[in-house]
């Protein structure tokens, strides 16, 4: 390898992968810019035009997250229909007496309904799915392959919440992936590329959190299929997913530039904020200098851990979801109004399960583009499926921004002082 950038990009098996990623982002960018413009107006209404001008990038510190990578914490002040709830069945789960075991049994049953594997006894005997009173454990959810083709476990301090119900299904996807490729030689027992494992779990999560699935579980009484509920739910998800895409791209774009020698140490902080401004439309709260080192506040940079897998996984999750929903007969791109992607739930679809199994059982034994083709019929990352999933929200945001004559996009301004 000529530099560490080539080494980090090697698992993606394409000499032009970096530029392909930027192309994928350009596919999604129009939707992100509409969201950015709407959120900027809501925050300007909240804080005043003297704090946030009509064309300005968003100051990172008003987005509810230290890095501006997720905007979920400002949902309460930006939600499109304040009087209408979005889906959260936590209260109903508690009232129905859900336990962590209930949640993981439901997760197992979901995958079995797709004609996937029943969990081996070792899973139930060895997994830790609740916080332990007699020991301190790291509560970050994780799935473990003990490499003997039978022992697979999950560690998670499960709470009875909708969020953890979705997470339980996500972690169970890792276990199913382990089970499907366990016949492979050890070297091939992995996702097809570093983004695949997370993509499968997150694709399944889109079904689990759908109104259709929650009604199947008896956690929703009555109908929530109306425009305000749908837009609020899509908006809540968009606040988490869409800002994360440019953030995860910048995390490694910045480091690749350093590895390739195009950025020197006296430009580190300025280059970081220029990339944040270019891709995310986000600026620092105050003027910065090269005395500061803002990228180092992110653990993955301080610990030298590649991050682009998160961008890849986020794009792939919607790509997989689209293909699985077509196989299940619940999404028709020719009829997006009668069978929209965001309403799909692949529960009980053997056809969707077969696509997923056929892809997962390959592990990393073939190029990732071939594994992707098995499940989706596509051989490249495709950002258009994100646009399709959020189609109703994109139309709503476009109309709302037109109604308020909002500027879409952002200007570029001063972000640094000479140190």
Protein backbone atom coordinates (compact mmCIF):
# COMPACT_ATOMS: atom_id res chain seq x y z
CA UNK A 1 0.00 0.00 0.00
CA UNK A 2 1.27 3.49 -0.80
CA UNK A 3 -0.41 4.96 2.28
CA UNK A 4 -2.83 4.11 5.09
CA UNK A 5 -5.81 5.39 3.08
CA UNK A 6 -5.32 2.59 0.56
CA UNK A 7 -5.00 0.10 3.42
CA UNK A 8 -8.23 1.26 5.05
CA UNK A 9 -10.12 1.15 1.75
CA UNK A 10 -8.76 -2.25 0.70
CA UNK A 11 -11.69 -4.30 2.15
CA UNK A 12 -14.05 -2.55 -0.28
CA UNK A 13 -12.21 -4.02 -3.27
CA UNK A 14 -12.38 -1.01 -5.58
CA UNK A 15 -9.62 1.50 -6.40
CA UNK A 16 -12.29 4.18 -6.93
CA UNK A 17 -14.41 3.38 -3.87
CA UNK A 18 -13.74 6.73 -2.22
CA UNK A 19 -15.19 8.56 -5.19
CA UNK A 20 -18.08 6.12 -5.45
CA UNK A 21 -19.01 7.03 -1.87
CA UNK A 22 -19.13 10.72 -2.74
CA UNK A 23 -21.40 9.82 -5.65
CA UNK A 24 -23.73 7.95 -3.32
CA UNK A 25 -23.84 10.97 -1.03
CA UNK A 26 -24.78 13.19 -3.95
CA UNK A 27 -27.76 10.89 -4.55
CA UNK A 28 -29.00 11.49 -1.00
CA UNK A 29 -27.91 15.11 -0.63
CA UNK A 30 -31.11 16.76 -2.03
CA UNK A 31 -33.17 15.12 0.72
CA UNK A 32 -30.64 16.10 3.38
CA UNK A 33 -30.63 19.72 2.20
CA UNK A 34 -34.41 19.89 2.51
CA UNK A 35 -34.18 18.54 6.07
CA UNK A 36 -31.33 20.95 6.87
CA UNK A 37 -33.33 23.94 5.61
CA UNK A 38 -36.43 22.98 7.59
CA UNK A 39 -34.48 22.37 10.82
CA UNK A 40 -32.62 25.66 10.39
CA UNK A 41 -35.94 27.53 10.17
CA UNK A 42 -37.33 25.83 13.27
CA UNK A 43 -34.16 26.65 15.21
CA UNK A 44 -34.17 30.22 13.88
CA UNK A 45 -37.75 30.59 15.11
CA UNK A 46 -36.62 29.25 18.48
CA UNK A 47 -33.40 31.23 18.97
CA UNK A 48 -33.97 34.28 16.76
CA UNK A 49 -32.59 35.42 13.37
CA UNK A 50 -29.72 37.23 15.09
CA UNK A 51 -28.39 33.85 16.26
CA UNK A 52 -29.03 31.90 13.07
CA UNK A 53 -29.31 33.58 9.71
CA UNK A 54 -31.42 32.38 6.80
CA UNK A 55 -28.54 30.96 4.72
CA UNK A 56 -26.08 30.00 7.42
CA UNK A 57 -24.65 26.57 8.18
CA UNK A 58 -26.02 25.14 11.42
CA UNK A 59 -23.89 25.71 14.54
CA UNK A 60 -22.90 22.29 15.84
CA UNK A 61 -23.86 23.01 19.44
CA UNK A 62 -27.60 23.55 18.81
CA UNK A 63 -28.22 20.13 17.24
CA UNK A 64 -28.52 18.08 20.41
CA UNK A 65 -25.31 16.11 19.92
CA UNK A 66 -21.70 17.12 20.49
CA UNK A 67 -20.72 16.32 16.90
CA UNK A 68 -24.00 17.03 15.14
CA UNK A 69 -24.02 13.43 13.92
CA UNK A 70 -27.57 12.78 15.13
CA UNK A 71 -30.27 15.42 15.58
CA UNK A 72 -32.71 13.20 17.48
CA UNK A 73 -32.42 15.27 20.65
CA UNK A 74 -34.01 18.29 18.96
CA UNK A 75 -37.07 16.34 17.82
CA UNK A 76 -39.25 18.07 20.40
CA UNK A 77 -38.59 21.54 18.94
CA UNK A 78 -38.64 20.55 15.26
CA UNK A 79 -41.37 17.90 14.97
CA UNK A 80 -43.69 18.67 12.02
CA UNK A 81 -46.98 17.96 13.82
CA UNK A 82 -46.48 18.78 17.51
CA UNK A 83 -49.94 17.61 18.57
CA UNK A 84 -49.53 14.18 16.99
CA UNK A 85 -47.37 11.45 18.46
CA UNK A 86 -44.92 9.29 16.57
CA UNK A 87 -44.61 5.58 17.20
CA UNK A 88 -43.31 4.60 20.63
CA UNK A 89 -44.91 1.54 22.20
CA UNK A 90 -42.84 1.46 25.40
CA UNK A 91 -45.82 2.15 27.66
CA UNK A 92 -47.84 -0.62 26.02
CA UNK A 93 -44.94 -3.06 26.40
CA UNK A 94 -44.72 -2.34 30.13
CA UNK A 95 -48.48 -2.67 30.55
CA UNK A 96 -48.44 -6.04 28.78
CA UNK A 97 -45.72 -7.34 31.08
CA UNK A 98 -42.88 -7.58 28.59
CA UNK A 99 -39.52 -8.78 29.95
CA UNK A 100 -36.08 -8.95 28.33
CA UNK A 101 -36.65 -12.67 27.72
CA UNK A 102 -39.99 -11.89 26.02
CA UNK A 103 -38.22 -9.43 23.73
CA UNK A 104 -35.49 -11.87 22.69
CA UNK A 105 -38.00 -14.69 22.18
CA UNK A 106 -39.92 -12.36 19.86
CA UNK A 107 -36.70 -11.58 18.01
CA UNK A 108 -35.97 -15.28 17.55
CA UNK A 109 -39.54 -15.88 16.34
CA UNK A 110 -39.20 -13.07 13.80
CA UNK A 111 -36.23 -14.75 12.12
CA UNK A 112 -37.79 -18.22 12.35
CA UNK A 113 -40.82 -16.75 10.51
CA UNK A 114 -38.41 -15.96 7.65
CA UNK A 115 -37.35 -19.63 7.62
CA UNK A 116 -34.09 -18.85 9.37
CA UNK A 117 -32.44 -20.70 12.25
CA UNK A 118 -33.75 -21.55 15.69
CA UNK A 119 -31.17 -20.48 18.25
CA UNK A 120 -28.94 -23.22 19.68
CA UNK A 121 -29.23 -24.01 23.42
CA UNK A 122 -25.83 -22.41 24.04
CA UNK A 123 -27.32 -19.02 23.15
CA UNK A 124 -29.86 -19.11 25.96
CA UNK A 125 -27.40 -20.67 28.39
CA UNK A 126 -24.53 -18.25 27.77
CA UNK A 127 -26.07 -14.91 26.78
CA UNK A 128 -26.41 -12.01 29.21
CA UNK A 129 -29.54 -10.03 28.33
CA UNK A 130 -30.07 -8.18 31.62
CA UNK A 131 -27.85 -6.13 33.88
CA UNK A 132 -26.26 -8.40 36.48
CA UNK A 133 -26.60 -7.54 40.19
CA UNK A 134 -23.40 -9.36 41.15
CA UNK A 135 -20.97 -7.89 38.61
CA UNK A 136 -20.16 -4.82 36.56
CA UNK A 137 -20.52 -5.32 32.82
CA UNK A 138 -20.15 -3.10 29.79
CA UNK A 139 -23.73 -2.53 28.70
CA UNK A 140 -23.06 -1.69 25.05
CA UNK A 141 -25.11 -4.31 23.14
CA UNK A 142 -22.92 -6.79 21.28
CA UNK A 143 -23.12 -10.19 19.61
CA UNK A 144 -20.40 -12.81 19.95
CA UNK A 145 -19.23 -15.71 17.78
CA UNK A 146 -17.20 -18.18 19.84
CA UNK A 147 -15.88 -19.74 16.62
CA UNK A 148 -16.88 -23.34 17.37
CA UNK A 149 -19.94 -23.40 15.07
CA UNK A 150 -22.41 -23.76 17.96
CA UNK A 151 -21.80 -21.15 20.67
CA UNK A 152 -23.18 -17.69 19.89
CA UNK A 153 -24.18 -15.13 22.50
CA UNK A 154 -25.52 -11.62 23.04
CA UNK A 155 -24.54 -9.26 25.83
CA UNK A 156 -27.05 -6.47 26.49
CA UNK A 157 -28.50 -4.69 29.52
CA UNK A 158 -32.01 -4.85 28.11
CA UNK A 159 -34.68 -2.43 29.29
CA UNK A 160 -38.36 -2.86 28.47
CA UNK A 161 -38.53 -0.10 25.85
CA UNK A 162 -39.35 0.07 22.16
CA UNK A 163 -35.76 1.14 21.48
CA UNK A 164 -34.40 -2.01 23.11
CA UNK A 165 -37.00 -4.18 21.36
CA UNK A 166 -35.59 -2.94 18.06
CA UNK A 167 -32.02 -3.38 19.33
CA UNK A 168 -32.75 -6.98 20.38
CA UNK A 169 -33.82 -7.77 16.81
CA UNK A 170 -30.73 -5.95 15.50
CA UNK A 171 -28.35 -7.96 17.68
CA UNK A 172 -30.18 -11.16 16.79
CA UNK A 173 -29.42 -10.39 13.13
CA UNK A 174 -25.71 -10.74 13.94
CA UNK A 175 -26.38 -14.15 15.49
CA UNK A 176 -28.34 -15.24 12.41
CA UNK A 177 -25.45 -14.04 10.22
CA UNK A 178 -23.03 -16.13 12.34
CA UNK A 179 -25.30 -19.17 11.98
CA UNK A 180 -25.68 -18.81 8.22
CA UNK A 181 -21.95 -18.65 7.46
CA UNK A 182 -20.74 -21.06 10.13
CA UNK A 183 -20.01 -23.72 7.46
CA UNK A 184 -17.42 -21.41 5.87
CA UNK A 185 -13.71 -21.66 6.68
CA UNK A 186 -12.83 -19.37 9.59
CA UNK A 187 -11.25 -16.76 7.31
CA UNK A 188 -14.58 -16.25 5.50
CA UNK A 189 -16.81 -16.09 8.60
CA UNK A 190 -17.49 -12.37 8.38
CA UNK A 191 -19.71 -9.90 6.58
CA UNK A 192 -19.15 -9.45 2.85
CA UNK A 193 -17.58 -6.07 3.63
CA UNK A 194 -17.21 -4.19 6.94
CA UNK A 195 -20.65 -2.57 6.53
CA UNK A 196 -22.74 -5.71 5.92
CA UNK A 197 -23.26 -6.95 9.47
CA UNK A 198 -24.70 -3.66 10.69
CA UNK A 199 -26.70 -3.22 7.49
CA UNK A 200 -28.58 -6.49 7.99
CA UNK A 201 -29.49 -5.63 11.58
CA UNK A 202 -30.62 -2.14 10.66
CA UNK A 203 -32.61 -3.36 7.65
CA UNK A 204 -34.55 -5.71 9.92
CA UNK A 205 -35.04 -2.85 12.40
CA UNK A 206 -36.97 -0.93 9.73
CA UNK A 207 -39.54 -3.76 9.67
CA UNK A 208 -39.69 -4.11 13.44
CA UNK A 209 -40.48 -0.42 13.97
CA UNK A 210 -43.17 -0.34 11.27
CA UNK A 211 -46.80 0.20 12.34
CA UNK A 212 -47.79 -3.05 10.61
CA UNK A 213 -45.41 -5.13 12.71
CA UNK A 214 -46.25 -3.39 15.97
CA UNK A 215 -49.93 -4.04 15.26
CA UNK A 216 -49.13 -7.71 14.60
CA UNK A 217 -47.54 -7.82 18.05
CA UNK A 218 -50.64 -6.24 19.57
CA UNK A 219 -48.68 -3.18 20.70
CA UNK A 220 -50.77 -0.70 18.72
CA UNK A 221 -54.50 -0.42 19.21
CA UNK A 222 -56.35 1.21 16.34
CA UNK A 223 -54.94 2.90 13.26
CA UNK A 224 -52.01 5.30 13.15
CA UNK A 225 -51.96 5.41 9.37
CA UNK A 226 -52.52 9.09 8.70
CA UNK A 227 -50.33 11.86 7.31
CA UNK A 228 -49.36 13.51 10.64
CA UNK A 229 -48.33 10.21 12.25
CA UNK A 230 -46.47 9.03 9.16
CA UNK A 231 -44.60 12.31 8.68
CA UNK A 232 -43.70 12.54 12.37
CA UNK A 233 -42.37 8.97 12.39
CA UNK A 234 -40.36 9.44 9.20
CA UNK A 235 -39.04 12.76 10.48
CA UNK A 236 -37.93 11.21 13.78
CA UNK A 237 -36.00 8.53 11.88
CA UNK A 238 -34.58 11.07 9.42
CA UNK A 239 -33.12 13.16 12.26
CA UNK A 240 -31.05 10.15 13.24
CA UNK A 241 -30.16 8.64 9.85
CA UNK A 242 -29.63 11.56 7.47
CA UNK A 243 -27.17 13.77 9.43
CA UNK A 244 -25.15 10.67 10.22
CA UNK A 245 -24.36 10.02 6.55
CA UNK A 246 -22.27 13.15 5.87
CA UNK A 247 -20.74 12.95 9.34
CA UNK A 248 -19.55 9.37 8.82
CA UNK A 249 -18.21 10.29 5.38
CA UNK A 250 -16.23 13.25 6.75
CA UNK A 251 -14.77 11.12 9.56
CA UNK A 252 -12.72 9.17 7.03
CA UNK A 253 -12.46 11.73 4.20
CA UNK A 254 -10.50 13.85 6.68
CA UNK A 255 -8.17 11.00 7.63
CA UNK A 256 -7.69 9.80 4.07
CA UNK A 257 -6.53 13.29 3.09
CA UNK A 258 -4.01 13.23 5.95
CA UNK A 259 -2.80 9.73 5.07
CA UNK A 260 -2.33 10.74 1.43
CA UNK A 261 -0.30 13.81 2.46
CA UNK A 262 -2.61 16.41 0.93
CA UNK A 263 -3.23 17.94 4.38
CA UNK A 264 -0.42 18.81 6.77
CA UNK A 265 -0.51 19.07 10.55
CA UNK A 266 -0.89 22.86 10.51
CA UNK A 267 -4.19 22.43 8.59
CA UNK A 268 -5.84 19.63 10.56
CA UNK A 269 -8.55 21.59 12.35
CA UNK A 270 -9.36 23.93 9.48
CA UNK A 271 -9.69 21.03 7.06
CA UNK A 272 -12.00 19.21 9.48
CA UNK A 273 -14.41 22.13 9.64
CA UNK A 274 -14.23 22.81 5.92
CA UNK A 275 -15.31 19.23 5.28
CA UNK A 276 -18.08 19.47 7.90
CA UNK A 277 -19.27 22.66 6.22
CA UNK A 278 -19.08 21.18 2.71
CA UNK A 279 -20.85 17.88 3.40
CA UNK A 280 -23.06 18.62 6.42
CA UNK A 281 -23.69 22.36 6.34
CA UNK A 282 -22.45 22.54 9.94
CA UNK A 283 -20.08 25.11 11.42
CA UNK A 284 -18.28 25.38 14.77
CA UNK A 285 -20.08 27.22 17.59
CA UNK A 286 -17.25 29.78 17.77
CA UNK A 287 -14.24 30.59 15.61
CA UNK A 288 -11.57 27.92 15.90
CA UNK A 289 -7.82 27.79 15.31
CA UNK A 290 -5.08 25.24 14.78
CA UNK A 291 -4.43 25.35 18.52
CA UNK A 292 -7.70 23.41 18.73
CA UNK A 293 -8.03 19.79 17.61
CA UNK A 294 -11.75 19.19 17.37
CA UNK A 295 -11.63 15.88 15.43
CA UNK A 296 -9.84 14.30 18.39
CA UNK A 297 -12.97 14.63 20.51
CA UNK A 298 -14.44 11.69 18.58
CA UNK A 299 -13.38 8.35 20.06
CA UNK A 300 -12.84 6.62 16.72
CA UNK A 301 -10.31 9.25 15.65
CA UNK A 302 -8.44 9.20 18.95
CA UNK A 303 -8.42 5.37 18.85
CA UNK A 304 -7.53 5.17 15.12
CA UNK A 305 -10.62 3.14 14.17
CA UNK A 306 -11.95 3.36 10.57
CA UNK A 307 -15.47 4.74 10.38
CA UNK A 308 -16.62 4.48 6.76
CA UNK A 309 -18.28 1.14 7.48
CA UNK A 310 -21.04 3.14 9.17
CA UNK A 311 -21.72 5.13 6.00
CA UNK A 312 -21.71 1.94 3.95
CA UNK A 313 -23.95 0.14 6.44
CA UNK A 314 -26.49 2.96 6.53
CA UNK A 315 -26.81 3.03 2.74
CA UNK A 316 -26.94 -0.77 2.55
CA UNK A 317 -29.70 -1.08 5.14
CA UNK A 318 -32.18 0.78 2.94
CA UNK A 319 -30.93 -1.03 -0.16
CA UNK A 320 -31.49 -4.41 1.51
CA UNK A 321 -34.83 -3.32 2.96
CA UNK A 322 -36.04 -2.34 -0.49
CA UNK A 323 -35.04 -5.69 -2.04
CA UNK A 324 -36.51 -7.73 0.81
CA UNK A 325 -39.76 -5.79 0.69
CA UNK A 326 -40.09 -6.38 -3.04
CA UNK A 327 -39.57 -10.10 -2.45
CA UNK A 328 -42.21 -10.01 0.28
CA UNK A 329 -44.67 -8.31 -2.09
CA UNK A 330 -45.00 -5.33 0.22
CA UNK A 331 -43.22 -2.70 -1.86
CA UNK A 332 -43.84 -1.88 -5.48
CA UNK A 333 -41.73 0.95 -6.95
CA UNK A 334 -44.41 1.34 -9.63
CA UNK A 335 -47.05 1.93 -6.94
CA UNK A 336 -45.26 3.98 -4.27
CA UNK A 337 -48.51 5.41 -2.94
CA UNK A 338 -50.34 2.12 -2.44
CA UNK A 339 -47.33 0.02 -1.40
CA UNK A 340 -44.79 2.50 0.02
CA UNK A 341 -41.43 1.29 1.25
CA UNK A 342 -41.69 2.88 4.69
CA UNK A 343 -44.76 0.77 5.60
CA UNK A 344 -43.18 -2.57 4.73
CA UNK A 345 -42.74 -5.38 7.27
CA UNK A 346 -41.05 -8.57 6.02
CA UNK A 347 -42.35 -10.65 8.97
CA UNK A 348 -43.37 -14.18 7.89
CA UNK A 349 -41.99 -13.74 4.35
CA UNK A 350 -40.10 -16.89 3.36
CA UNK A 351 -39.19 -15.18 0.07
CA UNK A 352 -37.46 -12.30 1.86
CA UNK A 353 -35.82 -14.78 4.22
CA UNK A 354 -34.39 -16.77 1.31
CA UNK A 355 -32.76 -13.68 -0.20
CA UNK A 356 -31.26 -12.78 3.16
CA UNK A 357 -30.03 -16.31 3.85
CA UNK A 358 -28.52 -16.74 0.39
CA UNK A 359 -26.51 -13.55 0.90
CA UNK A 360 -25.52 -14.20 4.51
CA UNK A 361 -24.35 -17.77 3.99
CA UNK A 362 -21.63 -16.51 1.61
CA UNK A 363 -19.89 -14.71 4.46
CA UNK A 364 -16.88 -12.96 2.97
CA UNK A 365 -16.04 -15.80 0.57
CA UNK A 366 -16.95 -13.75 -2.52
CA UNK A 367 -16.47 -10.06 -3.40
CA UNK A 368 -19.05 -7.96 -1.58
CA UNK A 369 -20.57 -6.80 -4.85
CA UNK A 370 -21.46 -10.42 -5.64
CA UNK A 371 -23.04 -10.93 -2.23
CA UNK A 372 -25.01 -7.73 -2.68
CA UNK A 373 -26.20 -8.92 -6.10
CA UNK A 374 -27.56 -12.14 -4.58
CA UNK A 375 -29.85 -10.15 -2.27
CA UNK A 376 -30.66 -7.06 -4.32
CA UNK A 377 -29.78 -7.62 -7.98
CA UNK A 378 -27.46 -4.60 -7.70
CA UNK A 379 -23.66 -4.50 -7.67
CA UNK A 380 -23.01 -1.06 -6.20
CA UNK A 381 -24.13 1.09 -3.30
CA UNK A 382 -27.30 2.92 -4.24
CA UNK A 383 -28.51 5.95 -2.28
CA UNK A 384 -31.81 6.19 -4.15
CA UNK A 385 -33.42 3.67 -1.79
CA UNK A 386 -33.00 6.13 1.07
CA UNK A 387 -34.84 8.72 -0.99
CA UNK A 388 -37.56 6.17 -1.76
CA UNK A 389 -38.01 5.24 1.90
CA UNK A 390 -38.37 8.87 2.91
CA UNK A 391 -40.38 9.84 -0.20
CA UNK A 392 -43.45 11.15 1.73
CA UNK A 393 -41.22 13.17 4.05
CA UNK A 394 -39.20 14.58 1.15
CA UNK A 395 -42.39 15.78 -0.53
CA UNK A 396 -43.64 17.26 2.74
CA UNK A 397 -40.33 19.05 3.40
CA UNK A 398 -40.21 20.43 -0.13
CA UNK A 399 -43.74 21.84 0.17
CA UNK A 400 -43.13 23.20 3.65
CA UNK A 401 -39.91 24.94 2.61
CA UNK A 402 -41.70 26.44 -0.39
CA UNK A 403 -44.53 27.60 1.85
CA UNK A 404 -42.13 29.45 4.14
CA UNK A 405 -39.85 30.55 1.28
CA UNK A 406 -36.93 28.87 2.98
CA UNK A 407 -33.45 28.93 1.44
CA UNK A 408 -32.26 25.39 0.67
CA UNK A 409 -28.51 24.93 1.00
CA UNK A 410 -26.02 27.03 2.92
CA UNK A 411 -23.43 29.73 2.43
CA UNK A 412 -19.78 29.35 3.38
CA UNK A 413 -18.33 31.62 6.01
CA UNK A 414 -15.38 32.23 8.29
CA UNK A 415 -14.72 29.33 10.63
CA UNK A 416 -11.10 29.89 11.70
CA UNK A 417 -8.89 32.55 13.18
CA UNK A 418 -5.15 32.65 12.62
CA UNK A 419 -3.47 30.99 15.59
